[in-house]
Amino acid sequence: MREAVGKVIDPETGLTFAEMQMIKNVKEEAPGTVKVEYIPSSPFCPIAFKLAADIKKGALKVSGVKKALVYCRGHLMEQQINEMTNKE
């Protein structure tokens, strides 16, 4: 799972999230449900919402994953990002 979300590319730098060490935690919360925490490159990153959506799409492509919860950490708008990304 970490490998799959680590392959997501940051459009600003062209580097993968793994290369930038942006993925901080990947955990299976329940069968078929994963939680991913990431830290954007800056607390003011203008594309943090897009990054969260890209991570979620990457996680959902992994076999057996039915639900992906993605949490941004260390961003000025992390609460809004997290609410929007994980709303049902």
Protein backbone atom coordinates (compact mmCIF):
# COMPACT_ATOMS: atom_id res chain seq x y z
CA MET A 1 0.00 0.00 0.00
CA ARG A 2 2.75 2.48 0.95
CA GLU A 3 4.45 1.69 -2.35
CA ALA A 4 1.26 2.42 -4.34
CA VAL A 5 0.60 5.83 -2.78
CA GLY A 6 4.31 6.62 -2.85
CA LYS A 7 4.17 6.47 -6.66
CA VAL A 8 1.86 9.51 -6.82
CA ILE A 9 3.73 12.38 -8.45
CA ASP A 10 3.84 15.90 -7.03
CA PRO A 11 2.99 18.05 -10.07
CA GLU A 12 5.04 20.99 -8.75
CA THR A 13 8.32 19.09 -8.46
CA GLY A 14 7.82 16.08 -10.72
CA LEU A 15 9.04 13.84 -7.88
CA THR A 16 7.06 10.99 -6.35
CA PHE A 17 5.68 11.25 -2.84
CA ALA A 18 8.11 8.50 -1.83
CA GLU A 19 11.08 10.51 -3.15
CA MET A 20 9.86 13.58 -1.26
CA GLN A 21 9.07 11.52 1.86
CA MET A 22 5.57 13.02 2.02
CA ILE A 23 3.77 9.80 3.05
CA LYS A 24 4.11 9.59 6.82
CA ASN A 25 1.83 6.73 7.76
CA VAL A 26 -0.13 3.99 6.01
CA LYS A 27 -2.26 1.69 8.12
CA GLU A 28 -5.04 -0.79 7.53
CA GLU A 29 -7.80 0.40 9.85
CA ALA A 30 -10.12 -2.52 9.08
CA PRO A 31 -10.28 -5.14 6.33
CA GLY A 32 -10.51 -3.18 3.07
CA THR A 33 -10.08 0.23 4.75
CA VAL A 34 -6.76 2.06 4.80
CA LYS A 35 -5.68 5.30 6.42
CA VAL A 36 -2.94 7.37 4.79
CA GLU A 37 -1.31 10.43 6.36
CA TYR A 38 0.77 12.83 4.30
CA ILE A 39 2.58 16.11 4.79
CA PRO A 40 2.60 18.52 1.85
CA SER A 41 5.84 20.23 0.86
CA SER A 42 4.77 23.45 2.59
CA PRO A 43 2.10 24.54 5.13
CA PHE A 44 0.72 26.80 2.38
CA CYS A 45 0.92 24.30 -0.50
CA PRO A 46 -1.65 25.54 -3.04
CA ILE A 47 -2.42 22.07 -4.38
CA ALA A 48 -2.82 20.19 -1.08
CA PHE A 49 -6.48 19.39 -1.91
CA LYS A 50 -5.41 17.87 -5.26
CA LEU A 51 -2.63 15.89 -3.59
CA ALA A 52 -5.11 14.38 -1.12
CA ALA A 53 -7.43 13.40 -3.98
CA ASP A 54 -4.51 11.87 -5.93
CA ILE A 55 -3.42 9.85 -2.90
CA LYS A 56 -6.97 8.60 -2.39
CA LYS A 57 -7.22 7.54 -6.06
CA GLY A 58 -3.87 5.74 -5.80
CA ALA A 59 -4.91 3.91 -2.64
CA LEU A 60 -8.24 2.80 -4.12
CA LYS A 61 -6.40 1.18 -7.05
CA VAL A 62 -4.76 -1.30 -4.68
CA SER A 63 -6.37 -4.71 -4.78
CA GLY A 64 -8.63 -5.31 -1.78
CA VAL A 65 -8.93 -1.64 -0.78
CA LYS A 66 -12.56 -0.56 -0.70
CA LYS A 67 -12.19 2.63 1.34
CA ALA A 68 -9.29 5.04 1.70
CA LEU A 69 -9.12 7.70 4.38
CA VAL A 70 -6.52 10.36 3.58
CA TYR A 71 -5.34 12.87 6.17
CA CYS A 72 -3.22 15.92 5.48
CA ARG A 73 -0.92 17.02 8.31
CA GLY A 74 0.95 20.29 8.78
CA HIS A 75 -1.07 22.42 6.34
CA LEU A 76 -2.81 25.69 7.12
CA MET A 77 -6.11 24.22 5.87
CA GLU A 78 -5.66 20.60 6.96
CA GLN A 79 -9.07 20.40 8.67
CA GLN A 80 -10.90 21.51 5.51
CA ILE A 81 -8.75 19.24 3.32
CA ASN A 82 -9.44 16.25 5.56
CA GLU A 83 -13.18 16.92 5.76
CA MET A 84 -13.53 17.33 1.99
CA THR A 85 -11.36 14.33 1.12
CA ASN A 86 -13.06 11.94 3.52
CA LYS A 87 -16.71 12.97 3.29
CA GLU A 88 -19.06 10.12 2.49
